[in-house]
Amino acid sequence: MGTKEKLIERFKRQPKDFTFNELTRLFHVLGFEVSQKGKTSGSRIEFVNSEKELSYGAHKPHLDSAIKSYIMKQVLEFLTSNKLI
């Protein structure tokens, strides 16, 4: 199993210690790029896949780099409903 598959399998298990950097890597291996909303965006970012015309908006966590469980569930739903994982 390669690095990409290991990252996807780890995400599917919905661990409580999944970090924002791992989430960014996950979206990257699925063909997404990070897009800032501009200078006034603050912690808001958007993962954009131009080829599939998909985007997912998110906030960078402030103090703790771990992604909250409800966000993990939302991302999992987004990725599975769009048949990306």
PDB file of N, CA and C in Angstrom:
ATOM      1  N   MET A   1       0.849  -1.171   0.000  1.00  0.00           N
ATOM      2  CA  MET A   1       0.000   0.000   0.000  1.00  0.00           C
ATOM      3  C   MET A   1       0.895   1.233   0.000  1.00  0.00           C
ATOM      4  N   GLY A   2       0.614   2.163  -0.906  1.00  0.00           N
ATOM      5  CA  GLY A   2       1.420   3.366  -1.018  1.00  0.00           C
ATOM      6  C   GLY A   2       1.022   4.434  -0.021  1.00  0.00           C
ATOM      7  N   THR A   3       1.762   5.528  -0.035  1.00  0.00           N
ATOM      8  CA  THR A   3       1.525   6.629   0.888  1.00  0.00           C
ATOM      9  C   THR A   3       0.133   7.221   0.714  1.00  0.00           C
ATOM     10  N   LYS A   4      -0.298   7.362  -0.543  1.00  0.00           N
ATOM     11  CA  LYS A   4      -1.622   7.918  -0.826  1.00  0.00           C
ATOM     12  C   LYS A   4      -2.713   7.049  -0.208  1.00  0.00           C
ATOM     13  N   GLU A   5      -2.618   5.759  -0.415  1.00  0.00           N
ATOM     14  CA  GLU A   5      -3.621   4.827   0.108  1.00  0.00           C
ATOM     15  C   GLU A   5      -3.623   4.812   1.637  1.00  0.00           C
ATOM     16  N   LYS A   6      -2.425   4.890   2.244  1.00  0.00           N
ATOM     17  CA  LYS A   6      -2.333   4.910   3.704  1.00  0.00           C
ATOM     18  C   LYS A   6      -2.996   6.159   4.281  1.00  0.00           C
ATOM     19  N   LEU A   7      -2.785   7.298   3.626  1.00  0.00           N
ATOM     20  CA  LEU A   7      -3.391   8.542   4.085  1.00  0.00           C
ATOM     21  C   LEU A   7      -4.915   8.475   3.971  1.00  0.00           C
ATOM     22  N   ILE A   8      -5.423   7.941   2.876  1.00  0.00           N
ATOM     23  CA  ILE A   8      -6.875   7.812   2.686  1.00  0.00           C
ATOM     24  C   ILE A   8      -7.456   6.857   3.719  1.00  0.00           C
ATOM     25  N   GLU A   9      -6.798   5.738   3.949  1.00  0.00           N
ATOM     26  CA  GLU A   9      -7.297   4.774   4.944  1.00  0.00           C
ATOM     27  C   GLU A   9      -7.277   5.371   6.350  1.00  0.00           C
ATOM     28  N   ARG A  10      -6.231   6.123   6.672  1.00  0.00           N
ATOM     29  CA  ARG A  10      -6.175   6.783   7.984  1.00  0.00           C
ATOM     30  C   ARG A  10      -7.335   7.766   8.119  1.00  0.00           C
ATOM     31  N   PHE A  11      -7.600   8.534   7.084  1.00  0.00           N
ATOM     32  CA  PHE A  11      -8.703   9.491   7.134  1.00  0.00           C
ATOM     33  C   PHE A  11     -10.054   8.782   7.296  1.00  0.00           C
ATOM     34  N   LYS A  12     -10.255   7.680   6.590  1.00  0.00           N
ATOM     35  CA  LYS A  12     -11.525   6.939   6.675  1.00  0.00           C
ATOM     36  C   LYS A  12     -11.786   6.416   8.084  1.00  0.00           C
ATOM     37  N   ARG A  13     -10.731   6.158   8.848  1.00  0.00           N
ATOM     38  CA  ARG A  13     -10.900   5.704  10.236  1.00  0.00           C
ATOM     39  C   ARG A  13     -11.335   6.839  11.159  1.00  0.00           C
ATOM     40  N   GLN A  14     -11.291   8.075  10.648  1.00  0.00           N
ATOM     41  CA  GLN A  14     -11.708   9.261  11.395  1.00  0.00           C
ATOM     42  C   GLN A  14     -10.987   9.414  12.741  1.00  0.00           C
ATOM     43  N   PRO A  15      -9.640   9.431  12.726  1.00  0.00           N
ATOM     44  CA  PRO A  15      -8.907   9.560  13.987  1.00  0.00           C
ATOM     45  C   PRO A  15      -9.080  10.951  14.588  1.00  0.00           C
ATOM     46  N   LYS A  16      -8.991  11.030  15.897  1.00  0.00           N
ATOM     47  CA  LYS A  16      -9.146  12.312  16.595  1.00  0.00           C
ATOM     48  C   LYS A  16      -7.906  13.201  16.465  1.00  0.00           C
ATOM     49  N   ASP A  17      -6.780  12.615  16.022  1.00  0.00           N
ATOM     50  CA  ASP A  17      -5.546  13.390  15.904  1.00  0.00           C
ATOM     51  C   ASP A  17      -5.169  13.711  14.455  1.00  0.00           C
ATOM     52  N   PHE A  18      -6.137  13.664  13.534  1.00  0.00           N
ATOM     53  CA  PHE A  18      -5.882  13.993  12.127  1.00  0.00           C
ATOM     54  C   PHE A  18      -5.642  15.497  12.040  1.00  0.00           C
ATOM     55  N   THR A  19      -4.481  15.890  11.517  1.00  0.00           N
ATOM     56  CA  THR A  19      -4.083  17.304  11.536  1.00  0.00           C
ATOM     57  C   THR A  19      -4.510  18.034  10.266  1.00  0.00           C
ATOM     58  N   PHE A  20      -4.433  19.351  10.348  1.00  0.00           N
ATOM     59  CA  PHE A  20      -4.761  20.176   9.191  1.00  0.00           C
ATOM     60  C   PHE A  20      -3.775  19.922   8.047  1.00  0.00           C
ATOM     61  N   ASN A  21      -2.513  19.699   8.373  1.00  0.00           N
ATOM     62  CA  ASN A  21      -1.525  19.391   7.331  1.00  0.00           C
ATOM     63  C   ASN A  21      -1.872  18.091   6.617  1.00  0.00           C
ATOM     64  N   GLU A  22      -2.329  17.097   7.360  1.00  0.00           N
ATOM     65  CA  GLU A  22      -2.745  15.838   6.745  1.00  0.00           C
ATOM     66  C   GLU A  22      -3.972  16.050   5.860  1.00  0.00           C
ATOM     67  N   LEU A  23      -4.897  16.880   6.307  1.00  0.00           N
ATOM     68  CA  LEU A  23      -6.089  17.169   5.504  1.00  0.00           C
ATOM     69  C   LEU A  23      -5.694  17.861   4.205  1.00  0.00           C
ATOM     70  N   THR A  24      -4.759  18.787   4.288  1.00  0.00           N
ATOM     71  CA  THR A  24      -4.273  19.471   3.089  1.00  0.00           C
ATOM     72  C   THR A  24      -3.622  18.480   2.136  1.00  0.00           C
ATOM     73  N   ARG A  25      -2.808  17.560   2.663  1.00  0.00           N
ATOM     74  CA  ARG A  25      -2.181  16.527   1.827  1.00  0.00           C
ATOM     75  C   ARG A  25      -3.227  15.621   1.199  1.00  0.00           C
ATOM     76  N   LEU A  26      -4.262  15.265   1.966  1.00  0.00           N
ATOM     77  CA  LEU A  26      -5.330  14.413   1.449  1.00  0.00           C
ATOM     78  C   LEU A  26      -6.007  15.074   0.257  1.00  0.00           C
ATOM     79  N   PHE A  27      -6.395  16.323   0.409  1.00  0.00           N
ATOM     80  CA  PHE A  27      -7.026  17.025  -0.708  1.00  0.00           C
ATOM     81  C   PHE A  27      -6.062  17.129  -1.891  1.00  0.00           C
ATOM     82  N   HIS A  28      -4.776  17.355  -1.613  1.00  0.00           N
ATOM     83  CA  HIS A  28      -3.783  17.463  -2.686  1.00  0.00           C
ATOM     84  C   HIS A  28      -3.668  16.166  -3.489  1.00  0.00           C
ATOM     85  N   VAL A  29      -3.609  15.024  -2.809  1.00  0.00           N
ATOM     86  CA  VAL A  29      -3.483  13.757  -3.543  1.00  0.00           C
ATOM     87  C   VAL A  29      -4.759  13.427  -4.309  1.00  0.00           C
ATOM     88  N   LEU A  30      -5.870  14.061  -3.943  1.00  0.00           N
ATOM     89  CA  LEU A  30      -7.127  13.847  -4.664  1.00  0.00           C
ATOM     90  C   LEU A  30      -7.334  14.876  -5.776  1.00  0.00           C
ATOM     91  N   GLY A  31      -6.302  15.690  -6.045  1.00  0.00           N
ATOM     92  CA  GLY A  31      -6.342  16.615  -7.171  1.00  0.00           C
ATOM     93  C   GLY A  31      -6.797  18.019  -6.847  1.00  0.00           C
ATOM     94  N   PHE A  32      -6.832  18.384  -5.574  1.00  0.00           N
ATOM     95  CA  PHE A  32      -7.269  19.722  -5.171  1.00  0.00           C
ATOM     96  C   PHE A  32      -6.066  20.613  -4.919  1.00  0.00           C
ATOM     97  N   GLU A  33      -6.261  21.911  -5.085  1.00  0.00           N
ATOM     98  CA  GLU A  33      -5.253  22.909  -4.751  1.00  0.00           C
ATOM     99  C   GLU A  33      -5.841  23.839  -3.704  1.00  0.00           C
ATOM    100  N   VAL A  34      -4.981  24.432  -2.885  1.00  0.00           N
ATOM    101  CA  VAL A  34      -5.428  25.368  -1.858  1.00  0.00           C
ATOM    102  C   VAL A  34      -5.554  26.752  -2.482  1.00  0.00           C
ATOM    103  N   SER A  35      -6.680  27.385  -2.234  1.00  0.00           N
ATOM    104  CA  SER A  35      -6.918  28.733  -2.726  1.00  0.00           C
ATOM    105  C   SER A  35      -7.257  29.633  -1.545  1.00  0.00           C
ATOM    106  N   GLN A  36      -6.507  30.711  -1.388  1.00  0.00           N
ATOM    107  CA  GLN A  36      -6.814  31.704  -0.357  1.00  0.00           C
ATOM    108  C   GLN A  36      -7.925  32.592  -0.895  1.00  0.00           C
ATOM    109  N   LYS A  37      -8.731  33.119  -0.006  1.00  0.00           N
ATOM    110  CA  LYS A  37      -9.842  33.980  -0.409  1.00  0.00           C
ATOM    111  C   LYS A  37      -9.415  35.440  -0.574  1.00  0.00           C
ATOM    112  N   GLY A  38      -8.152  35.730  -0.385  1.00  0.00           N
ATOM    113  CA  GLY A  38      -7.665  37.101  -0.475  1.00  0.00           C
ATOM    114  C   GLY A  38      -7.011  37.531   0.824  1.00  0.00           C
ATOM    115  N   LYS A  39      -6.575  38.773   0.881  1.00  0.00           N
ATOM    116  CA  LYS A  39      -5.873  39.271   2.064  1.00  0.00           C
ATOM    117  C   LYS A  39      -6.750  39.279   3.304  1.00  0.00           C
ATOM    118  N   THR A  40      -8.036  39.478   3.147  1.00  0.00           N
ATOM    119  CA  THR A  40      -8.936  39.578   4.296  1.00  0.00           C
ATOM    120  C   THR A  40      -9.601  38.258   4.641  1.00  0.00           C
ATOM    121  N   SER A  41      -9.099  37.174   4.100  1.00  0.00           N
ATOM    122  CA  SER A  41      -9.743  35.875   4.322  1.00  0.00           C
ATOM    123  C   SER A  41      -9.496  35.318   5.712  1.00  0.00           C
ATOM    124  N   GLY A  42      -8.468  35.784   6.395  1.00  0.00           N
ATOM    125  CA  GLY A  42      -8.152  35.244   7.713  1.00  0.00           C
ATOM    126  C   GLY A  42      -7.771  33.786   7.618  1.00  0.00           C
ATOM    127  N   SER A  43      -8.470  32.942   8.360  1.00  0.00           N
ATOM    128  CA  SER A  43      -8.136  31.517   8.361  1.00  0.00           C
ATOM    129  C   SER A  43      -8.957  30.722   7.351  1.00  0.00           C
ATOM    130  N   ARG A  44      -9.775  31.399   6.568  1.00  0.00           N
ATOM    131  CA  ARG A  44     -10.589  30.691   5.569  1.00  0.00           C
ATOM    132  C   ARG A  44      -9.759  30.327   4.343  1.00  0.00           C
ATOM    133  N   ILE A  45      -9.906  29.086   3.904  1.00  0.00           N
ATOM    134  CA  ILE A  45      -9.266  28.627   2.680  1.00  0.00           C
ATOM    135  C   ILE A  45     -10.275  27.804   1.893  1.00  0.00           C
ATOM    136  N   GLU A  46      -9.937  27.531   0.654  1.00  0.00           N
ATOM    137  CA  GLU A  46     -10.800  26.707  -0.171  1.00  0.00           C
ATOM    138  C   GLU A  46      -9.934  25.694  -0.918  1.00  0.00           C
ATOM    139  N   PHE A  47     -10.363  24.448  -0.891  1.00  0.00           N
ATOM    140  CA  PHE A  47      -9.712  23.402  -1.678  1.00  0.00           C
ATOM    141  C   PHE A  47     -10.470  23.328  -2.995  1.00  0.00           C
ATOM    142  N   VAL A  48      -9.753  23.511  -4.115  1.00  0.00           N
ATOM    143  CA  VAL A  48     -10.398  23.602  -5.422  1.00  0.00           C
ATOM    144  C   VAL A  48      -9.840  22.528  -6.356  1.00  0.00           C
ATOM    145  N   ASN A  49     -10.746  21.812  -7.012  1.00  0.00           N
ATOM    146  CA  ASN A  49     -10.384  20.858  -8.052  1.00  0.00           C
ATOM    147  C   ASN A  49     -11.027  21.371  -9.336  1.00  0.00           C
ATOM    148  N   SER A  50     -10.247  22.062 -10.153  1.00  0.00           N
ATOM    149  CA  SER A  50     -10.761  22.670 -11.375  1.00  0.00           C
ATOM    150  C   SER A  50     -11.226  21.627 -12.383  1.00  0.00           C
ATOM    151  N   GLU A  51     -10.519  20.510 -12.434  1.00  0.00           N
ATOM    152  CA  GLU A  51     -10.845  19.455 -13.397  1.00  0.00           C
ATOM    153  C   GLU A  51     -12.251  18.888 -13.160  1.00  0.00           C
ATOM    154  N   LYS A  52     -12.591  18.658 -11.904  1.00  0.00           N
ATOM    155  CA  LYS A  52     -13.894  18.091 -11.571  1.00  0.00           C
ATOM    156  C   LYS A  52     -14.913  19.156 -11.178  1.00  0.00           C
ATOM    157  N   GLU A  53     -14.478  20.428 -11.212  1.00  0.00           N
ATOM    158  CA  GLU A  53     -15.329  21.560 -10.850  1.00  0.00           C
ATOM    159  C   GLU A  53     -15.930  21.393  -9.451  1.00  0.00           C
ATOM    160  N   LEU A  54     -15.058  21.072  -8.488  1.00  0.00           N
ATOM    161  CA  LEU A  54     -15.457  20.892  -7.101  1.00  0.00           C
ATOM    162  C   LEU A  54     -14.647  21.827  -6.216  1.00  0.00           C
ATOM    163  N   SER A  55     -15.266  22.236  -5.108  1.00  0.00           N
ATOM    164  CA  SER A  55     -14.521  23.010  -4.114  1.00  0.00           C
ATOM    165  C   SER A  55     -15.097  22.712  -2.742  1.00  0.00           C
ATOM    166  N   TYR A  56     -14.225  22.870  -1.746  1.00  0.00           N
ATOM    167  CA  TYR A  56     -14.625  22.656  -0.360  1.00  0.00           C
ATOM    168  C   TYR A  56     -13.991  23.758   0.478  1.00  0.00           C
ATOM    169  N   GLY A  57     -14.814  24.524   1.167  1.00  0.00           N
ATOM    170  CA  GLY A  57     -14.329  25.605   2.022  1.00  0.00           C
ATOM    171  C   GLY A  57     -14.040  25.103   3.421  1.00  0.00           C
ATOM    172  N   ALA A  58     -12.993  25.630   4.034  1.00  0.00           N
ATOM    173  CA  ALA A  58     -12.611  25.196   5.376  1.00  0.00           C
ATOM    174  C   ALA A  58     -11.932  26.348   6.113  1.00  0.00           C
ATOM    175  N   HIS A  59     -11.775  26.174   7.415  1.00  0.00           N
ATOM    176  CA  HIS A  59     -11.035  27.102   8.259  1.00  0.00           C
ATOM    177  C   HIS A  59      -9.808  26.378   8.819  1.00  0.00           C
ATOM    178  N   LYS A  60      -8.687  27.080   8.842  1.00  0.00           N
ATOM    179  CA  LYS A  60      -7.506  26.531   9.495  1.00  0.00           C
ATOM    180  C   LYS A  60      -7.759  26.571  10.998  1.00  0.00           C
ATOM    181  N   PRO A  61      -7.444  25.497  11.718  1.00  0.00           N
ATOM    182  CA  PRO A  61      -7.602  25.542  13.174  1.00  0.00           C
ATOM    183  C   PRO A  61      -6.617  26.528  13.786  1.00  0.00           C
ATOM    184  N   HIS A  62      -7.018  27.173  14.857  1.00  0.00           N
ATOM    185  CA  HIS A  62      -6.181  28.224  15.443  1.00  0.00           C
ATOM    186  C   HIS A  62      -5.119  27.682  16.391  1.00  0.00           C
ATOM    187  N   LEU A  63      -5.510  27.131  17.504  1.00  0.00           N
ATOM    188  CA  LEU A  63      -4.518  26.695  18.485  1.00  0.00           C
ATOM    189  C   LEU A  63      -4.121  25.244  18.283  1.00  0.00           C
ATOM    190  N   ASP A  64      -5.088  24.381  18.211  1.00  0.00           N
ATOM    191  CA  ASP A  64      -4.837  22.952  18.055  1.00  0.00           C
ATOM    192  C   ASP A  64      -4.865  22.633  16.573  1.00  0.00           C
ATOM    193  N   SER A  65      -3.876  21.910  16.078  1.00  0.00           N
ATOM    194  CA  SER A  65      -3.844  21.614  14.647  1.00  0.00           C
ATOM    195  C   SER A  65      -4.731  20.430  14.271  1.00  0.00           C
ATOM    196  N   ALA A  66      -5.315  19.747  15.277  1.00  0.00           N
ATOM    197  CA  ALA A  66      -6.196  18.609  14.998  1.00  0.00           C
ATOM    198  C   ALA A  66      -7.548  19.107  14.476  1.00  0.00           C
ATOM    199  N   ILE A  67      -8.081  18.388  13.505  1.00  0.00           N
ATOM    200  CA  ILE A  67      -9.370  18.724  12.917  1.00  0.00           C
ATOM    201  C   ILE A  67     -10.479  18.205  13.826  1.00  0.00           C
ATOM    202  N   LYS A  68     -11.496  19.006  14.039  1.00  0.00           N
ATOM    203  CA  LYS A  68     -12.623  18.600  14.883  1.00  0.00           C
ATOM    204  C   LYS A  68     -13.394  17.459  14.220  1.00  0.00           C
ATOM    205  N   SER A  69     -13.990  16.603  15.046  1.00  0.00           N
ATOM    206  CA  SER A  69     -14.654  15.400  14.535  1.00  0.00           C
ATOM    207  C   SER A  69     -15.827  15.716  13.619  1.00  0.00           C
ATOM    208  N   TYR A  70     -16.597  16.772  13.903  1.00  0.00           N
ATOM    209  CA  TYR A  70     -17.733  17.080  13.033  1.00  0.00           C
ATOM    210  C   TYR A  70     -17.265  17.539  11.648  1.00  0.00           C
ATOM    211  N   ILE A  71     -16.106  18.201  11.592  1.00  0.00           N
ATOM    212  CA  ILE A  71     -15.555  18.609  10.299  1.00  0.00           C
ATOM    213  C   ILE A  71     -15.043  17.392   9.548  1.00  0.00           C
ATOM    214  N   MET A  72     -14.420  16.469  10.269  1.00  0.00           N
ATOM    215  CA  MET A  72     -13.948  15.231   9.640  1.00  0.00           C
ATOM    216  C   MET A  72     -15.119  14.498   8.987  1.00  0.00           C
ATOM    217  N   LYS A  73     -16.257  14.430   9.677  1.00  0.00           N
ATOM    218  CA  LYS A  73     -17.443  13.763   9.123  1.00  0.00           C
ATOM    219  C   LYS A  73     -17.959  14.494   7.894  1.00  0.00           C
ATOM    220  N   GLN A  74     -17.946  15.824   7.926  1.00  0.00           N
ATOM    221  CA  GLN A  74     -18.402  16.606   6.777  1.00  0.00           C
ATOM    222  C   GLN A  74     -17.495  16.384   5.569  1.00  0.00           C
ATOM    223  N   VAL A  75     -16.198  16.358   5.797  1.00  0.00           N
ATOM    224  CA  VAL A  75     -15.249  16.134   4.705  1.00  0.00           C
ATOM    225  C   VAL A  75     -15.424  14.725   4.143  1.00  0.00           C
ATOM    226  N   LEU A  76     -15.587  13.739   5.023  1.00  0.00           N
ATOM    227  CA  LEU A  76     -15.807  12.366   4.567  1.00  0.00           C
ATOM    228  C   LEU A  76     -17.062  12.280   3.703  1.00  0.00           C
ATOM    229  N   GLU A  77     -18.131  12.922   4.125  1.00  0.00           N
ATOM    230  CA  GLU A  77     -19.372  12.938   3.348  1.00  0.00           C
ATOM    231  C   GLU A  77     -19.162  13.606   1.991  1.00  0.00           C
ATOM    232  N   PHE A  78     -18.440  14.729   1.976  1.00  0.00           N
ATOM    233  CA  PHE A  78     -18.145  15.439   0.728  1.00  0.00           C
ATOM    234  C   PHE A  78     -17.357  14.555  -0.237  1.00  0.00           C
ATOM    235  N   LEU A  79     -16.308  13.913   0.282  1.00  0.00           N
ATOM    236  CA  LEU A  79     -15.448  13.096  -0.576  1.00  0.00           C
ATOM    237  C   LEU A  79     -16.145  11.843  -1.075  1.00  0.00           C
ATOM    238  N   THR A  80     -16.938  11.198  -0.218  1.00  0.00           N
ATOM    239  CA  THR A  80     -17.636   9.985  -0.661  1.00  0.00           C
ATOM    240  C   THR A  80     -18.808  10.305  -1.578  1.00  0.00           C
ATOM    241  N   SER A  81     -19.525  11.377  -1.321  1.00  0.00           N
ATOM    242  CA  SER A  81     -20.658  11.718  -2.184  1.00  0.00           C
ATOM    243  C   SER A  81     -20.207  12.125  -3.575  1.00  0.00           C
ATOM    244  N   ASN A  82     -18.985  12.642  -3.695  1.00  0.00           N
ATOM    245  CA  ASN A  82     -18.431  13.001  -4.995  1.00  0.00           C
ATOM    246  C   ASN A  82     -17.553  11.893  -5.577  1.00  0.00           C
ATOM    247  N   LYS A  83     -17.599  10.716  -4.942  1.00  0.00           N
ATOM    248  CA  LYS A  83     -16.896   9.515  -5.419  1.00  0.00           C
ATOM    249  C   LYS A  83     -15.396   9.725  -5.586  1.00  0.00           C
ATOM    250  N   LEU A  84     -14.815  10.444  -4.624  1.00  0.00           N
ATOM    251  CA  LEU A  84     -13.367  10.686  -4.650  1.00  0.00           C
ATOM    252  C   LEU A  84     -12.609   9.671  -3.812  1.00  0.00           C
ATOM    253  N   ILE A  85     -13.298   9.102  -2.812  1.00  0.00           N
ATOM    254  CA  ILE A  85     -12.689   8.012  -2.021  1.00  0.00           C
ATOM    255  C   ILE A  85     -13.714   6.921  -1.836  1.00  0.00           C
TER     256      ILE A  85
END
